[in-house]
Amino acid sequence: MGAEVGKTLRIMTVRTGEGGKSIPRTTVFTVKGIVSSGYHELDSMWCITTFDSGRRILGSGAYRYLVVKVEDPYKGASEAAYSISWELGNGFAVYTWKQLQRAQYSSYESTRQMLL
């Protein structure tokens, strides 16, 4: 994307209007920070925004995720997920990145092991 802190990005979303007609919409955001998972392919697919901004541009029917960064994702992710799940209670599902992207993670882990 060529994103840099302080620069603006235009994100295009498409919503479905009456009669199934696609309506494009462009929203301008200012980059506040850069987050890296360490995997370029994964990083290039994500754009993280505030809940209110996401709801405004995607509507109420979009999936909502709360992304939590842990210091050591290889050791602390499961414990953090359990703790967050306990605090949230019923009505919420908490998953680690490994659980959500199992096939992709397996591919990354195999590549990482081969490189090491």
PDB file of N, CA and C in Angstrom:
ATOM      1  N   MET A   1       0.816  -1.207   0.000  1.00  0.00           N
ATOM      2  CA  MET A   1       0.000   0.000   0.000  1.00  0.00           C
ATOM      3  C   MET A   1       0.850   1.258   0.000  1.00  0.00           C
ATOM      4  N   GLY A   2       2.067   1.136   0.448  1.00  0.00           N
ATOM      5  CA  GLY A   2       2.915   2.315   0.557  1.00  0.00           C
ATOM      6  C   GLY A   2       2.548   3.185   1.745  1.00  0.00           C
ATOM      7  N   ALA A   3       1.930   2.572   2.756  1.00  0.00           N
ATOM      8  CA  ALA A   3       1.492   3.333   3.929  1.00  0.00           C
ATOM      9  C   ALA A   3       2.687   3.780   4.768  1.00  0.00           C
ATOM     10  N   GLU A   4       2.628   5.010   5.229  1.00  0.00           N
ATOM     11  CA  GLU A   4       3.622   5.559   6.144  1.00  0.00           C
ATOM     12  C   GLU A   4       2.883   6.389   7.172  1.00  0.00           C
ATOM     13  N   VAL A   5       3.394   6.412   8.396  1.00  0.00           N
ATOM     14  CA  VAL A   5       2.758   7.181   9.461  1.00  0.00           C
ATOM     15  C   VAL A   5       2.647   8.639   9.040  1.00  0.00           C
ATOM     16  N   GLY A   6       1.446   9.201   9.205  1.00  0.00           N
ATOM     17  CA  GLY A   6       1.186  10.592   8.858  1.00  0.00           C
ATOM     18  C   GLY A   6       0.607  10.785   7.466  1.00  0.00           C
ATOM     19  N   LYS A   7       0.777   9.799   6.598  1.00  0.00           N
ATOM     20  CA  LYS A   7       0.232   9.911   5.240  1.00  0.00           C
ATOM     21  C   LYS A   7      -1.245   9.531   5.232  1.00  0.00           C
ATOM     22  N   THR A   8      -1.928   9.928   4.176  1.00  0.00           N
ATOM     23  CA  THR A   8      -3.342   9.578   4.049  1.00  0.00           C
ATOM     24  C   THR A   8      -3.508   8.437   3.059  1.00  0.00           C
ATOM     25  N   LEU A   9      -4.487   7.597   3.341  1.00  0.00           N
ATOM     26  CA  LEU A   9      -4.842   6.485   2.462  1.00  0.00           C
ATOM     27  C   LEU A   9      -6.310   6.601   2.111  1.00  0.00           C
ATOM     28  N   ARG A  10      -6.636   6.214   0.916  1.00  0.00           N
ATOM     29  CA  ARG A  10      -8.035   6.156   0.493  1.00  0.00           C
ATOM     30  C   ARG A  10      -8.431   4.694   0.432  1.00  0.00           C
ATOM     31  N   ILE A  11      -9.438   4.338   1.213  1.00  0.00           N
ATOM     32  CA  ILE A  11      -9.934   2.972   1.259  1.00  0.00           C
ATOM     33  C   ILE A  11     -11.277   2.924   0.536  1.00  0.00           C
ATOM     34  N   MET A  12     -11.373   2.031  -0.452  1.00  0.00           N
ATOM     35  CA  MET A  12     -12.629   1.919  -1.181  1.00  0.00           C
ATOM     36  C   MET A  12     -13.404   0.710  -0.672  1.00  0.00           C
ATOM     37  N   THR A  13     -14.660   0.942  -0.351  1.00  0.00           N
ATOM     38  CA  THR A  13     -15.569  -0.119   0.043  1.00  0.00           C
ATOM     39  C   THR A  13     -16.749  -0.098  -0.915  1.00  0.00           C
ATOM     40  N   VAL A  14     -17.425  -1.220  -1.008  1.00  0.00           N
ATOM     41  CA  VAL A  14     -18.587  -1.309  -1.884  1.00  0.00           C
ATOM     42  C   VAL A  14     -19.743  -1.836  -1.056  1.00  0.00           C
ATOM     43  N   ARG A  15     -20.856  -1.139  -1.103  1.00  0.00           N
ATOM     44  CA  ARG A  15     -22.054  -1.627  -0.425  1.00  0.00           C
ATOM     45  C   ARG A  15     -23.106  -1.899  -1.474  1.00  0.00           C
ATOM     46  N   THR A  16     -24.070  -2.712  -1.095  1.00  0.00           N
ATOM     47  CA  THR A  16     -25.137  -3.067  -2.016  1.00  0.00           C
ATOM     48  C   THR A  16     -26.350  -2.200  -1.730  1.00  0.00           C
ATOM     49  N   GLY A  17     -26.787  -1.480  -2.743  1.00  0.00           N
ATOM     50  CA  GLY A  17     -27.953  -0.604  -2.608  1.00  0.00           C
ATOM     51  C   GLY A  17     -29.228  -1.332  -3.001  1.00  0.00           C
ATOM     52  N   GLU A  18     -30.255  -0.562  -3.157  1.00  0.00           N
ATOM     53  CA  GLU A  18     -31.542  -1.124  -3.547  1.00  0.00           C
ATOM     54  C   GLU A  18     -31.428  -1.813  -4.896  1.00  0.00           C
ATOM     55  N   GLY A  19     -32.089  -2.951  -5.022  1.00  0.00           N
ATOM     56  CA  GLY A  19     -32.060  -3.692  -6.276  1.00  0.00           C
ATOM     57  C   GLY A  19     -30.744  -4.409  -6.534  1.00  0.00           C
ATOM     58  N   GLY A  20     -29.886  -4.502  -5.516  1.00  0.00           N
ATOM     59  CA  GLY A  20     -28.620  -5.215  -5.674  1.00  0.00           C
ATOM     60  C   GLY A  20     -27.531  -4.430  -6.376  1.00  0.00           C
ATOM     61  N   LYS A  21     -27.768  -3.134  -6.574  1.00  0.00           N
ATOM     62  CA  LYS A  21     -26.790  -2.296  -7.265  1.00  0.00           C
ATOM     63  C   LYS A  21     -25.590  -2.021  -6.346  1.00  0.00           C
ATOM     64  N   SER A  22     -24.364  -2.202  -6.888  1.00  0.00           N
ATOM     65  CA  SER A  22     -23.149  -1.937  -6.128  1.00  0.00           C
ATOM     66  C   SER A  22     -22.853  -0.446  -6.112  1.00  0.00           C
ATOM     67  N   ILE A  23     -22.584   0.069  -4.917  1.00  0.00           N
ATOM     68  CA  ILE A  23     -22.301   1.492  -4.754  1.00  0.00           C
ATOM     69  C   ILE A  23     -20.924   1.638  -4.111  1.00  0.00           C
ATOM     70  N   PRO A  24     -19.927   2.122  -4.867  1.00  0.00           N
ATOM     71  CA  PRO A  24     -18.588   2.305  -4.289  1.00  0.00           C
ATOM     72  C   PRO A  24     -18.535   3.553  -3.410  1.00  0.00           C
ATOM     73  N   ARG A  25     -17.654   3.485  -2.422  1.00  0.00           N
ATOM     74  CA  ARG A  25     -17.474   4.623  -1.514  1.00  0.00           C
ATOM     75  C   ARG A  25     -16.004   4.703  -1.138  1.00  0.00           C
ATOM     76  N   THR A  26     -15.439   5.884  -1.202  1.00  0.00           N
ATOM     77  CA  THR A  26     -14.049   6.090  -0.826  1.00  0.00           C
ATOM     78  C   THR A  26     -13.996   6.881   0.475  1.00  0.00           C
ATOM     79  N   THR A  27     -13.201   6.377   1.426  1.00  0.00           N
ATOM     80  CA  THR A  27     -13.037   7.040   2.715  1.00  0.00           C
ATOM     81  C   THR A  27     -11.556   7.327   2.901  1.00  0.00           C
ATOM     82  N   VAL A  28     -11.240   8.518   3.391  1.00  0.00           N
ATOM     83  CA  VAL A  28      -9.851   8.922   3.591  1.00  0.00           C
ATOM     84  C   VAL A  28      -9.470   8.717   5.057  1.00  0.00           C
ATOM     85  N   PHE A  29      -8.338   8.045   5.279  1.00  0.00           N
ATOM     86  CA  PHE A  29      -7.811   7.811   6.617  1.00  0.00           C
ATOM     87  C   PHE A  29      -6.398   8.350   6.707  1.00  0.00           C
ATOM     88  N   THR A  30      -5.995   8.770   7.889  1.00  0.00           N
ATOM     89  CA  THR A  30      -4.614   9.152   8.152  1.00  0.00           C
ATOM     90  C   THR A  30      -3.967   8.008   8.909  1.00  0.00           C
ATOM     91  N   VAL A  31      -2.804   7.554   8.440  1.00  0.00           N
ATOM     92  CA  VAL A  31      -2.107   6.431   9.061  1.00  0.00           C
ATOM     93  C   VAL A  31      -1.539   6.888  10.400  1.00  0.00           C
ATOM     94  N   LYS A  32      -1.929   6.188  11.464  1.00  0.00           N
ATOM     95  CA  LYS A  32      -1.469   6.516  12.823  1.00  0.00           C
ATOM     96  C   LYS A  32      -0.338   5.607  13.286  1.00  0.00           C
ATOM     97  N   GLY A  33      -0.213   4.436  12.667  1.00  0.00           N
ATOM     98  CA  GLY A  33       0.841   3.506  13.062  1.00  0.00           C
ATOM     99  C   GLY A  33       0.896   2.344  12.100  1.00  0.00           C
ATOM    100  N   ILE A  34       1.985   1.621  12.148  1.00  0.00           N
ATOM    101  CA  ILE A  34       2.189   0.454  11.303  1.00  0.00           C
ATOM    102  C   ILE A  34       2.366  -0.755  12.228  1.00  0.00           C
ATOM    103  N   VAL A  35       1.634  -1.821  11.959  1.00  0.00           N
ATOM    104  CA  VAL A  35       1.709  -3.047  12.745  1.00  0.00           C
ATOM    105  C   VAL A  35       2.222  -4.147  11.837  1.00  0.00           C
ATOM    106  N   SER A  36       3.109  -4.978  12.342  1.00  0.00           N
ATOM    107  CA  SER A  36       3.645  -6.069  11.538  1.00  0.00           C
ATOM    108  C   SER A  36       3.547  -7.378  12.299  1.00  0.00           C
ATOM    109  N   SER A  37       3.053  -8.407  11.617  1.00  0.00           N
ATOM    110  CA  SER A  37       3.007  -9.746  12.200  1.00  0.00           C
ATOM    111  C   SER A  37       4.317 -10.476  11.939  1.00  0.00           C
ATOM    112  N   GLY A  38       5.146  -9.904  11.065  1.00  0.00           N
ATOM    113  CA  GLY A  38       6.385 -10.553  10.678  1.00  0.00           C
ATOM    114  C   GLY A  38       6.248 -11.316   9.369  1.00  0.00           C
ATOM    115  N   TYR A  39       5.026 -11.390   8.835  1.00  0.00           N
ATOM    116  CA  TYR A  39       4.766 -12.085   7.586  1.00  0.00           C
ATOM    117  C   TYR A  39       4.209 -11.086   6.576  1.00  0.00           C
ATOM    118  N   HIS A  40       4.988 -10.766   5.559  1.00  0.00           N
ATOM    119  CA  HIS A  40       4.607  -9.748   4.577  1.00  0.00           C
ATOM    120  C   HIS A  40       3.269 -10.052   3.916  1.00  0.00           C
ATOM    121  N   GLU A  41       3.059 -11.319   3.544  1.00  0.00           N
ATOM    122  CA  GLU A  41       1.820 -11.689   2.852  1.00  0.00           C
ATOM    123  C   GLU A  41       0.597 -11.403   3.718  1.00  0.00           C
ATOM    124  N   LEU A  42       0.679 -11.721   4.990  1.00  0.00           N
ATOM    125  CA  LEU A  42      -0.436 -11.455   5.908  1.00  0.00           C
ATOM    126  C   LEU A  42      -0.590  -9.958   6.153  1.00  0.00           C
ATOM    127  N   ASP A  43       0.508  -9.278   6.389  1.00  0.00           N
ATOM    128  CA  ASP A  43       0.456  -7.838   6.671  1.00  0.00           C
ATOM    129  C   ASP A  43      -0.164  -7.054   5.527  1.00  0.00           C
ATOM    130  N   SER A  44       0.049  -7.505   4.303  1.00  0.00           N
ATOM    131  CA  SER A  44      -0.475  -6.762   3.151  1.00  0.00           C
ATOM    132  C   SER A  44      -1.981  -6.895   2.991  1.00  0.00           C
ATOM    133  N   MET A  45      -2.607  -7.797   3.750  1.00  0.00           N
ATOM    134  CA  MET A  45      -4.049  -8.010   3.627  1.00  0.00           C
ATOM    135  C   MET A  45      -4.868  -7.299   4.698  1.00  0.00           C
ATOM    136  N   TRP A  46      -4.238  -6.697   5.690  1.00  0.00           N
ATOM    137  CA  TRP A  46      -4.965  -6.141   6.818  1.00  0.00           C
ATOM    138  C   TRP A  46      -4.889  -4.619   6.873  1.00  0.00           C
ATOM    139  N   CYS A  47      -5.969  -4.032   7.284  1.00  0.00           N
ATOM    140  CA  CYS A  47      -6.034  -2.609   7.593  1.00  0.00           C
ATOM    141  C   CYS A  47      -6.831  -2.515   8.890  1.00  0.00           C
ATOM    142  N   ILE A  48      -6.239  -2.002   9.930  1.00  0.00           N
ATOM    143  CA  ILE A  48      -6.882  -1.950  11.241  1.00  0.00           C
ATOM    144  C   ILE A  48      -7.352  -0.527  11.503  1.00  0.00           C
ATOM    145  N   THR A  49      -8.608  -0.404  11.912  1.00  0.00           N
ATOM    146  CA  THR A  49      -9.190   0.906  12.177  1.00  0.00           C
ATOM    147  C   THR A  49      -9.993   0.848  13.467  1.00  0.00           C
ATOM    148  N   THR A  50     -10.477   1.979  13.922  1.00  0.00           N
ATOM    149  CA  THR A  50     -11.304   1.988  15.122  1.00  0.00           C
ATOM    150  C   THR A  50     -12.655   1.356  14.834  1.00  0.00           C
ATOM    151  N   PHE A  51     -13.313   0.912  15.874  1.00  0.00           N
ATOM    152  CA  PHE A  51     -14.627   0.287  15.732  1.00  0.00           C
ATOM    153  C   PHE A  51     -15.615   1.253  15.080  1.00  0.00           C
ATOM    154  N   ASP A  52     -15.650   2.493  15.549  1.00  0.00           N
ATOM    155  CA  ASP A  52     -16.599   3.473  15.007  1.00  0.00           C
ATOM    156  C   ASP A  52     -16.353   3.755  13.524  1.00  0.00           C
ATOM    157  N   SER A  53     -15.089   3.878  13.135  1.00  0.00           N
ATOM    158  CA  SER A  53     -14.782   4.120  11.721  1.00  0.00           C
ATOM    159  C   SER A  53     -15.172   2.917  10.872  1.00  0.00           C
ATOM    160  N   GLY A  54     -14.875   1.732  11.362  1.00  0.00           N
ATOM    161  CA  GLY A  54     -15.238   0.527  10.632  1.00  0.00           C
ATOM    162  C   GLY A  54     -16.744   0.397  10.459  1.00  0.00           C
ATOM    163  N   ARG A  55     -17.486   0.664  11.520  1.00  0.00           N
ATOM    164  CA  ARG A  55     -18.945   0.587  11.456  1.00  0.00           C
ATOM    165  C   ARG A  55     -19.502   1.626  10.488  1.00  0.00           C
ATOM    166  N   ARG A  56     -18.887   2.804  10.470  1.00  0.00           N
ATOM    167  CA  ARG A  56     -19.348   3.871   9.581  1.00  0.00           C
ATOM    168  C   ARG A  56     -19.175   3.505   8.111  1.00  0.00           C
ATOM    169  N   ILE A  57     -18.037   2.910   7.758  1.00  0.00           N
ATOM    170  CA  ILE A  57     -17.800   2.626   6.339  1.00  0.00           C
ATOM    171  C   ILE A  57     -18.299   1.251   5.902  1.00  0.00           C
ATOM    172  N   LEU A  58     -18.415   0.305   6.838  1.00  0.00           N
ATOM    173  CA  LEU A  58     -18.829  -1.045   6.466  1.00  0.00           C
ATOM    174  C   LEU A  58     -20.288  -1.359   6.799  1.00  0.00           C
ATOM    175  N   GLY A  59     -20.877  -0.589   7.684  1.00  0.00           N
ATOM    176  CA  GLY A  59     -22.267  -0.835   8.067  1.00  0.00           C
ATOM    177  C   GLY A  59     -22.372  -1.800   9.232  1.00  0.00           C
ATOM    178  N   SER A  60     -23.575  -1.992   9.688  1.00  0.00           N
ATOM    179  CA  SER A  60     -23.791  -2.803  10.890  1.00  0.00           C
ATOM    180  C   SER A  60     -23.717  -4.301  10.622  1.00  0.00           C
ATOM    181  N   GLY A  61     -23.783  -4.722   9.365  1.00  0.00           N
ATOM    182  CA  GLY A  61     -23.761  -6.142   9.051  1.00  0.00           C
ATOM    183  C   GLY A  61     -22.376  -6.735   8.919  1.00  0.00           C
ATOM    184  N   ALA A  62     -21.346  -5.927   9.041  1.00  0.00           N
ATOM    185  CA  ALA A  62     -19.971  -6.406   8.859  1.00  0.00           C
ATOM    186  C   ALA A  62     -19.500  -7.171  10.096  1.00  0.00           C
ATOM    187  N   TYR A  63     -18.554  -8.075   9.879  1.00  0.00           N
ATOM    188  CA  TYR A  63     -17.952  -8.773  11.005  1.00  0.00           C
ATOM    189  C   TYR A  63     -17.125  -7.796  11.816  1.00  0.00           C
ATOM    190  N   ARG A  64     -17.092  -8.002  13.103  1.00  0.00           N
ATOM    191  CA  ARG A  64     -16.324  -7.124  13.984  1.00  0.00           C
ATOM    192  C   ARG A  64     -15.278  -7.951  14.716  1.00  0.00           C
ATOM    193  N   TYR A  65     -14.077  -7.437  14.723  1.00  0.00           N
ATOM    194  CA  TYR A  65     -12.986  -8.107  15.401  1.00  0.00           C
ATOM    195  C   TYR A  65     -12.302  -7.141  16.335  1.00  0.00           C
ATOM    196  N   LEU A  66     -11.902  -7.636  17.458  1.00  0.00           N
ATOM    197  CA  LEU A  66     -11.052  -6.893  18.371  1.00  0.00           C
ATOM    198  C   LEU A  66      -9.689  -7.547  18.258  1.00  0.00           C
ATOM    199  N   VAL A  67      -8.696  -6.803  17.835  1.00  0.00           N
ATOM    200  CA  VAL A  67      -7.353  -7.341  17.654  1.00  0.00           C
ATOM    201  C   VAL A  67      -6.520  -6.958  18.872  1.00  0.00           C
ATOM    202  N   VAL A  68      -5.892  -7.933  19.469  1.00  0.00           N
ATOM    203  CA  VAL A  68      -5.082  -7.708  20.659  1.00  0.00           C
ATOM    204  C   VAL A  68      -3.663  -8.148  20.365  1.00  0.00           C
ATOM    205  N   LYS A  69      -2.717  -7.270  20.638  1.00  0.00           N
ATOM    206  CA  LYS A  69      -1.314  -7.597  20.439  1.00  0.00           C
ATOM    207  C   LYS A  69      -0.735  -8.077  21.768  1.00  0.00           C
ATOM    208  N   VAL A  70      -0.093  -9.241  21.742  1.00  0.00           N
ATOM    209  CA  VAL A  70       0.563  -9.763  22.930  1.00  0.00           C
ATOM    210  C   VAL A  70       2.064  -9.730  22.702  1.00  0.00           C
ATOM    211  N   GLU A  71       2.802  -9.637  23.781  1.00  0.00           N
ATOM    212  CA  GLU A  71       4.252  -9.475  23.665  1.00  0.00           C
ATOM    213  C   GLU A  71       4.909 -10.636  22.909  1.00  0.00           C
ATOM    214  N   ASP A  72       4.549 -11.864  23.243  1.00  0.00           N
ATOM    215  CA  ASP A  72       5.109 -13.027  22.556  1.00  0.00           C
ATOM    216  C   ASP A  72       3.960 -13.880  22.038  1.00  0.00           C
ATOM    217  N   PRO A  73       3.574 -13.712  20.761  1.00  0.00           N
ATOM    218  CA  PRO A  73       2.417 -14.430  20.238  1.00  0.00           C
ATOM    219  C   PRO A  73       2.596 -15.948  20.184  1.00  0.00           C
ATOM    220  N   TYR A  74       3.833 -16.423  20.224  1.00  0.00           N
ATOM    221  CA  TYR A  74       4.067 -17.859  20.195  1.00  0.00           C
ATOM    222  C   TYR A  74       3.866 -18.488  21.567  1.00  0.00           C
ATOM    223  N   LYS A  75       3.984 -17.696  22.614  1.00  0.00           N
ATOM    224  CA  LYS A  75       3.851 -18.242  23.967  1.00  0.00           C
ATOM    225  C   LYS A  75       2.624 -17.699  24.704  1.00  0.00           C
ATOM    226  N   GLY A  76       2.214 -16.461  24.430  1.00  0.00           N
ATOM    227  CA  GLY A  76       1.180 -15.839  25.240  1.00  0.00           C
ATOM    228  C   GLY A  76      -0.199 -15.723  24.628  1.00  0.00           C
ATOM    229  N   ALA A  77      -0.373 -16.117  23.361  1.00  0.00           N
ATOM    230  CA  ALA A  77      -1.647 -15.892  22.689  1.00  0.00           C
ATOM    231  C   ALA A  77      -2.790 -16.707  23.292  1.00  0.00           C
ATOM    232  N   SER A  78      -2.551 -17.969  23.574  1.00  0.00           N
ATOM    233  CA  SER A  78      -3.609 -18.823  24.127  1.00  0.00           C
ATOM    234  C   SER A  78      -4.048 -18.340  25.505  1.00  0.00           C
ATOM    235  N   GLU A  79      -3.090 -17.963  26.328  1.00  0.00           N
ATOM    236  CA  GLU A  79      -3.417 -17.473  27.664  1.00  0.00           C
ATOM    237  C   GLU A  79      -4.191 -16.161  27.586  1.00  0.00           C
ATOM    238  N   ALA A  80      -3.768 -15.282  26.674  1.00  0.00           N
ATOM    239  CA  ALA A  80      -4.464 -13.998  26.507  1.00  0.00           C
ATOM    240  C   ALA A  80      -5.889 -14.231  26.010  1.00  0.00           C
ATOM    241  N   ALA A  81      -6.071 -15.147  25.064  1.00  0.00           N
ATOM    242  CA  ALA A  81      -7.408 -15.445  24.540  1.00  0.00           C
ATOM    243  C   ALA A  81      -8.311 -15.974  25.638  1.00  0.00           C
ATOM    244  N   TYR A  82      -7.793 -16.860  26.478  1.00  0.00           N
ATOM    245  CA  TYR A  82      -8.586 -17.408  27.579  1.00  0.00           C
ATOM    246  C   TYR A  82      -8.983 -16.298  28.550  1.00  0.00           C
ATOM    247  N   SER A  83      -8.040 -15.453  28.900  1.00  0.00           N
ATOM    248  CA  SER A  83      -8.303 -14.354  29.838  1.00  0.00           C
ATOM    249  C   SER A  83      -9.343 -13.381  29.279  1.00  0.00           C
ATOM    250  N   ILE A  84      -9.223 -13.020  28.014  1.00  0.00           N
ATOM    251  CA  ILE A  84     -10.162 -12.103  27.381  1.00  0.00           C
ATOM    252  C   ILE A  84     -11.546 -12.741  27.310  1.00  0.00           C
ATOM    253  N   SER A  85     -11.596 -14.012  26.962  1.00  0.00           N
ATOM    254  CA  SER A  85     -12.868 -14.731  26.893  1.00  0.00           C
ATOM    255  C   SER A  85     -13.549 -14.751  28.248  1.00  0.00           C
ATOM    256  N   TRP A  86     -12.790 -14.965  29.292  1.00  0.00           N
ATOM    257  CA  TRP A  86     -13.322 -14.975  30.661  1.00  0.00           C
ATOM    258  C   TRP A  86     -13.910 -13.616  31.023  1.00  0.00           C
ATOM    259  N   GLU A  87     -13.201 -12.556  30.672  1.00  0.00           N
ATOM    260  CA  GLU A  87     -13.667 -11.192  30.986  1.00  0.00           C
ATOM    261  C   GLU A  87     -14.917 -10.809  30.194  1.00  0.00           C
ATOM    262  N   LEU A  88     -14.986 -11.197  28.920  1.00  0.00           N
ATOM    263  CA  LEU A  88     -16.122 -10.829  28.076  1.00  0.00           C
ATOM    264  C   LEU A  88     -17.384 -11.597  28.433  1.00  0.00           C
ATOM    265  N   GLY A  89     -17.236 -12.849  28.831  1.00  0.00           N
ATOM    266  CA  GLY A  89     -18.396 -13.671  29.169  1.00  0.00           C
ATOM    267  C   GLY A  89     -19.086 -14.220  27.929  1.00  0.00           C
ATOM    268  N   ASN A  90     -20.319 -14.668  28.116  1.00  0.00           N
ATOM    269  CA  ASN A  90     -21.086 -15.265  27.021  1.00  0.00           C
ATOM    270  C   ASN A  90     -21.432 -14.230  25.953  1.00  0.00           C
ATOM    271  N   GLY A  91     -21.640 -14.710  24.731  1.00  0.00           N
ATOM    272  CA  GLY A  91     -22.030 -13.827  23.633  1.00  0.00           C
ATOM    273  C   GLY A  91     -20.870 -13.367  22.773  1.00  0.00           C
ATOM    274  N   PHE A  92     -19.657 -13.742  23.147  1.00  0.00           N
ATOM    275  CA  PHE A  92     -18.474 -13.370  22.379  1.00  0.00           C
ATOM    276  C   PHE A  92     -17.639 -14.614  22.120  1.00  0.00           C
ATOM    277  N   ALA A  93     -16.962 -14.641  20.994  1.00  0.00           N
ATOM    278  CA  ALA A  93     -16.035 -15.725  20.686  1.00  0.00           C
ATOM    279  C   ALA A  93     -14.639 -15.129  20.573  1.00  0.00           C
ATOM    280  N   VAL A  94     -13.683 -15.783  21.160  1.00  0.00           N
ATOM    281  CA  VAL A  94     -12.304 -15.311  21.145  1.00  0.00           C
ATOM    282  C   VAL A  94     -11.435 -16.379  20.491  1.00  0.00           C
ATOM    283  N   TYR A  95     -10.650 -15.968  19.497  1.00  0.00           N
ATOM    284  CA  TYR A  95      -9.789 -16.887  18.766  1.00  0.00           C
ATOM    285  C   TYR A  95      -8.395 -16.301  18.666  1.00  0.00           C
ATOM    286  N   THR A  96      -7.417 -17.165  18.623  1.00  0.00           N
ATOM    287  CA  THR A  96      -6.058 -16.711  18.344  1.00  0.00           C
ATOM    288  C   THR A  96      -5.874 -16.679  16.831  1.00  0.00           C
ATOM    289  N   TRP A  97      -4.827 -15.994  16.392  1.00  0.00           N
ATOM    290  CA  TRP A  97      -4.533 -15.931  14.968  1.00  0.00           C
ATOM    291  C   TRP A  97      -4.292 -17.334  14.423  1.00  0.00           C
ATOM    292  N   LYS A  98      -3.639 -18.184  15.207  1.00  0.00           N
ATOM    293  CA  LYS A  98      -3.368 -19.558  14.777  1.00  0.00           C
ATOM    294  C   LYS A  98      -4.669 -20.311  14.500  1.00  0.00           C
ATOM    295  N   GLN A  99      -5.676 -20.093  15.327  1.00  0.00           N
ATOM    296  CA  GLN A  99      -6.958 -20.780  15.136  1.00  0.00           C
ATOM    297  C   GLN A  99      -7.692 -20.268  13.896  1.00  0.00           C
ATOM    298  N   LEU A 100      -7.689 -18.964  13.690  1.00  0.00           N
ATOM    299  CA  LEU A 100      -8.418 -18.388  12.564  1.00  0.00           C
ATOM    300  C   LEU A 100      -7.769 -18.673  11.217  1.00  0.00           C
ATOM    301  N   GLN A 101      -6.467 -18.714  11.192  1.00  0.00           N
ATOM    302  CA  GLN A 101      -5.728 -18.891   9.946  1.00  0.00           C
ATOM    303  C   GLN A 101      -4.874 -20.153  10.005  1.00  0.00           C
ATOM    304  N   ARG A 102      -5.465 -21.250  10.451  1.00  0.00           N
ATOM    305  CA  ARG A 102      -4.724 -22.496  10.686  1.00  0.00           C
ATOM    306  C   ARG A 102      -3.902 -22.947   9.476  1.00  0.00           C
ATOM    307  N   ALA A 103      -4.508 -23.004   8.292  1.00  0.00           N
ATOM    308  CA  ALA A 103      -3.786 -23.468   7.096  1.00  0.00           C
ATOM    309  C   ALA A 103      -2.660 -22.506   6.735  1.00  0.00           C
ATOM    310  N   GLN A 104      -2.950 -21.215   6.790  1.00  0.00           N
ATOM    311  CA  GLN A 104      -1.938 -20.214   6.449  1.00  0.00           C
ATOM    312  C   GLN A 104      -0.795 -20.247   7.471  1.00  0.00           C
ATOM    313  N   TYR A 105      -1.138 -20.358   8.750  1.00  0.00           N
ATOM    314  CA  TYR A 105      -0.118 -20.407   9.788  1.00  0.00           C
ATOM    315  C   TYR A 105       0.780 -21.626   9.600  1.00  0.00           C
ATOM    316  N   SER A 106       0.167 -22.756   9.262  1.00  0.00           N
ATOM    317  CA  SER A 106       0.936 -23.982   9.048  1.00  0.00           C
ATOM    318  C   SER A 106       1.940 -23.786   7.911  1.00  0.00           C
ATOM    319  N   SER A 107       1.504 -23.123   6.849  1.00  0.00           N
ATOM    320  CA  SER A 107       2.396 -22.845   5.723  1.00  0.00           C
ATOM    321  C   SER A 107       3.535 -21.924   6.155  1.00  0.00           C
ATOM    322  N   TYR A 108       3.218 -20.868   6.904  1.00  0.00           N
ATOM    323  CA  TYR A 108       4.244 -19.938   7.383  1.00  0.00           C
ATOM    324  C   TYR A 108       5.234 -20.650   8.313  1.00  0.00           C
ATOM    325  N   GLU A 109       4.687 -21.480   9.206  1.00  0.00           N
ATOM    326  CA  GLU A 109       5.540 -22.173  10.167  1.00  0.00           C
ATOM    327  C   GLU A 109       6.478 -23.140   9.457  1.00  0.00           C
ATOM    328  N   SER A 110       5.986 -23.827   8.438  1.00  0.00           N
ATOM    329  CA  SER A 110       6.842 -24.734   7.662  1.00  0.00           C
ATOM    330  C   SER A 110       7.958 -23.954   6.972  1.00  0.00           C
ATOM    331  N   THR A 111       7.617 -22.831   6.387  1.00  0.00           N
ATOM    332  CA  THR A 111       8.610 -21.992   5.712  1.00  0.00           C
ATOM    333  C   THR A 111       9.637 -21.488   6.710  1.00  0.00           C
ATOM    334  N   ARG A 112       9.178 -21.053   7.878  1.00  0.00           N
ATOM    335  CA  ARG A 112      10.073 -20.536   8.905  1.00  0.00           C
ATOM    336  C   ARG A 112      11.045 -21.625   9.363  1.00  0.00           C
ATOM    337  N   GLN A 113      10.538 -22.830   9.580  1.00  0.00           N
ATOM    338  CA  GLN A 113      11.389 -23.943  10.022  1.00  0.00           C
ATOM    339  C   GLN A 113      12.444 -24.289   8.970  1.00  0.00           C
ATOM    340  N   MET A 114      12.030 -24.249   7.686  1.00  0.00           N
ATOM    341  CA  MET A 114      12.972 -24.545   6.612  1.00  0.00           C
ATOM    342  C   MET A 114      14.070 -23.488   6.554  1.00  0.00           C
ATOM    343  N   LEU A 115      13.703 -22.245   6.767  1.00  0.00           N
ATOM    344  CA  LEU A 115      14.696 -21.168   6.716  1.00  0.00           C
ATOM    345  C   LEU A 115      15.655 -21.230   7.886  1.00  0.00           C
ATOM    346  N   LEU A 116      15.156 -21.647   9.050  1.00  0.00           N
ATOM    347  CA  LEU A 116      16.015 -21.767  10.216  1.00  0.00           C
ATOM    348  C   LEU A 116      16.956 -22.938  10.077  1.00  0.00           C
TER     349      LEU A 116
END
